[in-house]
Amino acid sequence: MLLILMIAVICGTVYIRSIESSSIQLSESLEEKEEVLSTEKEETVTTESRAVQIKVYICGSVYNPGIVEITEGVRLGEALVLVGGALDTADLNSVNLAHRLSDAEMVYIPKKGEIIIDKQSSVPGFAIKNASSKSGKVNINTASKSELETLPGIGPSTADKIIAYRQKSGGFKNAKDLMNVTGIGEKKYEAMKDFITTQ
């Protein structure tokens, strides 16, 4: 009887320790999974936070010229979808559709057969150097009528008023002076301020 009792105690002890060991391993396994999931979640949040939103102006031979908001680094070919795509008359062979867009950039999609002096051959579309600063913005003190019309909300009539104002006043001292031109209010200025310069 004593021997049987001792065997029973030993077996019970071994069984209890086995259960405790399994519980510890299961607990450690769950903790490791939670750490992995937590790390993956942090990496996802970090990646999403790096997705910077920018604004670019796409005009010319497209269906809906205007300012679009995209993720920084998106290519021109992908951004064209946001303005309805290029017209059938667009000369897409003259632009680099693989160009990665940056904030406040202006892209002009030319027509087939369109001849523009001093075409910028690199990317992303045509640009008139004598009207643009090094940053690619339109210089409202030197831009021609057609160049001013590439700005958001500027038509032929307003472009004429801008030219008349700068001739009369001796030029724009700063970009906000553009609101002194009849027909250009705060709302229209806000739409184009990232695409203009006076130098």
Protein backbone atom coordinates (compact mmCIF):
# COMPACT_ATOMS: atom_id res chain seq x y z
CA MET A 1 0.00 0.00 0.00
CA LEU A 2 2.83 2.36 0.86
CA LEU A 3 4.54 1.58 -2.45
CA ILE A 4 1.33 2.20 -4.39
CA LEU A 5 0.83 5.51 -2.54
CA MET A 6 4.39 6.64 -3.35
CA ILE A 7 3.93 5.76 -7.04
CA ALA A 8 0.65 7.70 -7.11
CA VAL A 9 2.33 10.78 -5.54
CA ILE A 10 5.22 10.63 -8.03
CA CYS A 11 2.89 10.26 -11.02
CA GLY A 12 0.74 13.15 -9.79
CA THR A 13 3.78 15.38 -9.33
CA VAL A 14 5.08 14.57 -12.83
CA TYR A 15 1.60 15.24 -14.33
CA ILE A 16 1.24 18.60 -12.57
CA ARG A 17 4.72 19.73 -13.67
CA SER A 18 3.91 18.66 -17.23
CA ILE A 19 0.76 20.81 -17.21
CA GLU A 20 2.66 23.79 -15.75
CA SER A 21 5.37 23.42 -18.41
CA SER A 22 2.76 23.31 -21.20
CA SER A 23 1.04 26.41 -19.78
CA ILE A 24 4.32 28.30 -19.64
CA GLN A 25 5.19 27.35 -23.24
CA LEU A 26 1.71 28.32 -24.42
CA SER A 27 1.95 31.66 -22.60
CA GLU A 28 5.38 32.38 -24.09
CA SER A 29 4.10 31.45 -27.56
CA LEU A 30 1.15 33.83 -27.22
CA GLU A 31 3.42 36.63 -26.01
CA GLU A 32 5.75 36.10 -28.99
CA LYS A 33 2.78 36.26 -31.41
CA GLU A 34 1.52 39.45 -29.77
CA GLU A 35 4.98 41.02 -30.11
CA VAL A 36 5.15 40.08 -33.80
CA LEU A 37 1.67 41.49 -34.47
CA SER A 38 2.53 44.66 -32.55
CA THR A 39 5.73 45.11 -34.57
CA GLU A 40 3.90 44.56 -37.86
CA LYS A 41 1.24 47.08 -36.84
CA GLU A 42 3.89 49.68 -35.95
CA GLU A 43 5.62 49.13 -39.30
CA THR A 44 2.30 49.57 -41.11
CA VAL A 45 1.55 52.82 -39.26
CA THR A 46 5.07 54.09 -39.97
CA THR A 47 4.71 53.30 -43.66
CA GLU A 48 1.33 55.04 -43.83
CA SER A 49 2.68 58.11 -42.06
CA ARG A 50 5.40 58.39 -44.67
CA ALA A 51 2.81 58.60 -47.47
CA VAL A 52 2.93 62.39 -47.93
CA GLN A 53 0.09 64.00 -49.85
CA ILE A 54 1.04 66.69 -52.40
CA LYS A 55 -0.74 68.87 -54.96
CA VAL A 56 0.17 69.27 -58.62
CA TYR A 57 -1.37 71.19 -61.50
CA ILE A 58 -1.96 69.30 -64.74
CA CYS A 59 -3.13 71.28 -67.76
CA GLY A 60 -3.00 71.33 -71.54
CA SER A 61 -4.50 68.51 -73.63
CA VAL A 62 -6.38 66.75 -70.83
CA TYR A 63 -10.12 66.41 -70.21
CA ASN A 64 -10.29 68.19 -66.85
CA PRO A 65 -7.28 70.49 -66.30
CA GLY A 66 -6.76 71.41 -62.67
CA ILE A 67 -5.08 70.79 -59.35
CA VAL A 68 -5.08 67.21 -58.09
CA GLU A 69 -3.98 65.76 -54.75
CA ILE A 70 -1.79 62.68 -54.97
CA THR A 71 0.73 60.73 -52.93
CA GLU A 72 4.28 62.02 -53.31
CA GLY A 73 6.20 60.01 -55.89
CA VAL A 74 3.20 59.05 -58.02
CA ARG A 75 4.09 58.93 -61.72
CA LEU A 76 2.67 61.31 -64.32
CA GLY A 77 0.95 58.49 -66.21
CA GLU A 78 -0.99 57.53 -63.07
CA ALA A 79 -1.88 61.14 -62.20
CA LEU A 80 -3.38 61.74 -65.66
CA VAL A 81 -6.28 59.48 -64.67
CA LEU A 82 -7.29 62.05 -62.03
CA VAL A 83 -7.82 64.73 -64.68
CA GLY A 84 -9.86 62.44 -66.91
CA GLY A 85 -6.94 61.28 -69.01
CA ALA A 86 -5.29 62.83 -72.05
CA LEU A 87 -7.25 64.01 -75.09
CA ASP A 88 -6.93 62.16 -78.40
CA THR A 89 -5.04 65.20 -79.68
CA ALA A 90 -2.41 64.99 -76.89
CA ASP A 91 1.19 64.28 -77.85
CA LEU A 92 2.10 61.80 -75.10
CA ASN A 93 5.32 60.88 -76.89
CA SER A 94 6.66 64.29 -75.91
CA VAL A 95 6.24 63.79 -72.16
CA ASN A 96 7.76 61.38 -69.71
CA LEU A 97 4.84 59.39 -68.28
CA ALA A 98 7.22 57.68 -65.85
CA HIS A 99 8.19 61.00 -64.24
CA ARG A 100 7.67 61.05 -60.44
CA LEU A 101 5.71 64.16 -59.49
CA SER A 102 6.63 66.53 -56.66
CA ASP A 103 4.66 69.14 -54.70
CA ALA A 104 3.53 72.35 -56.47
CA GLU A 105 4.67 71.03 -59.84
CA MET A 106 2.92 72.16 -63.01
CA VAL A 107 2.69 69.76 -65.95
CA TYR A 108 1.61 70.86 -69.42
CA ILE A 109 0.48 68.17 -71.86
CA PRO A 110 1.01 69.46 -75.44
CA LYS A 111 -1.09 68.83 -78.56
CA LYS A 112 0.19 66.79 -81.47
CA GLY A 113 2.20 69.05 -83.73
CA GLU A 114 2.34 71.84 -81.15
CA ILE A 115 5.52 73.86 -81.39
CA ILE A 116 6.75 75.55 -78.22
CA ILE A 117 9.99 77.49 -78.10
CA ASP A 118 12.68 76.11 -75.83
CA LYS A 119 10.98 72.80 -75.10
CA GLN A 120 12.24 71.18 -71.92
CA SER A 121 13.38 67.76 -73.13
CA SER A 122 13.83 66.02 -69.79
CA VAL A 123 10.49 65.92 -67.92
CA PRO A 124 7.61 65.99 -67.48
CA GLY A 125 6.02 68.07 -70.24
CA PHE A 126 6.67 71.28 -72.09
CA ALA A 127 7.83 74.32 -70.10
CA ILE A 128 8.64 77.86 -71.17
CA LYS A 129 11.93 78.73 -69.51
CA ASN A 130 11.70 82.47 -69.96
CA ALA A 131 8.45 82.47 -68.00
CA SER A 132 9.46 80.02 -65.32
CA SER A 133 11.77 80.23 -62.35
CA LYS A 134 14.23 77.49 -61.46
CA SER A 135 11.50 75.93 -59.34
CA GLY A 136 9.28 75.55 -62.42
CA LYS A 137 6.75 78.17 -61.28
CA VAL A 138 5.24 80.73 -63.68
CA ASN A 139 6.83 84.16 -63.35
CA ILE A 140 3.87 86.55 -63.41
CA ASN A 141 6.23 89.45 -64.20
CA THR A 142 7.53 87.94 -67.45
CA ALA A 143 4.96 85.34 -68.55
CA SER A 144 3.17 85.77 -71.86
CA LYS A 145 -0.60 85.66 -72.17
CA SER A 146 -0.64 81.99 -73.17
CA GLU A 147 1.68 81.11 -70.27
CA LEU A 148 -0.54 82.92 -67.76
CA GLU A 149 -3.52 80.95 -69.08
CA THR A 150 -1.91 77.72 -67.88
CA LEU A 151 -2.53 78.86 -64.29
CA PRO A 152 -5.65 77.62 -62.43
CA GLY A 153 -8.66 79.84 -63.08
CA ILE A 154 -6.90 82.18 -65.53
CA GLY A 155 -8.57 82.66 -68.89
CA PRO A 156 -7.71 84.99 -71.81
CA SER A 157 -9.54 87.99 -70.30
CA THR A 158 -7.88 87.72 -66.88
CA ALA A 159 -4.48 87.12 -68.49
CA ASP A 160 -4.89 90.41 -70.40
CA LYS A 161 -5.74 92.18 -67.13
CA ILE A 162 -2.62 90.77 -65.44
CA ILE A 163 -0.41 92.02 -68.27
CA ALA A 164 -2.10 95.44 -68.29
CA TYR A 165 -1.71 95.77 -64.51
CA ARG A 166 2.00 94.90 -64.46
CA GLN A 167 2.69 97.31 -67.34
CA LYS A 168 0.89 100.10 -65.53
CA SER A 169 2.33 99.42 -62.06
CA GLY A 170 5.82 98.41 -63.12
CA GLY A 171 5.39 94.75 -62.18
CA PHE A 172 4.37 92.68 -59.19
CA LYS A 173 6.51 93.13 -56.08
CA ASN A 174 5.11 89.99 -54.50
CA ALA A 175 2.69 87.24 -55.47
CA LYS A 176 -0.16 88.63 -53.33
CA ASP A 177 -0.20 91.79 -55.47
CA LEU A 178 -1.96 89.61 -58.03
CA MET A 179 -5.16 90.14 -56.01
CA ASN A 180 -5.03 93.80 -57.06
CA VAL A 181 -5.98 92.66 -60.56
CA THR A 182 -9.71 92.88 -61.28
CA GLY A 183 -11.25 89.41 -61.29
CA ILE A 184 -8.69 87.80 -58.99
CA GLY A 185 -9.96 87.35 -55.47
CA GLU A 186 -8.60 85.45 -52.51
CA LYS A 187 -10.12 82.14 -53.62
CA LYS A 188 -8.59 82.31 -57.09
CA TYR A 189 -5.26 83.43 -55.66
CA GLU A 190 -5.21 80.48 -53.21
CA ALA A 191 -5.71 78.09 -56.16
CA MET A 192 -2.67 79.40 -58.03
CA LYS A 193 -0.29 80.69 -55.32
CA ASP A 194 1.80 77.50 -55.29
CA PHE A 195 2.45 77.80 -59.03
CA ILE A 196 3.53 81.44 -59.36
CA THR A 197 6.56 83.57 -58.54
CA THR A 198 7.71 87.14 -59.13
CA GLN A 199 11.38 86.27 -59.66
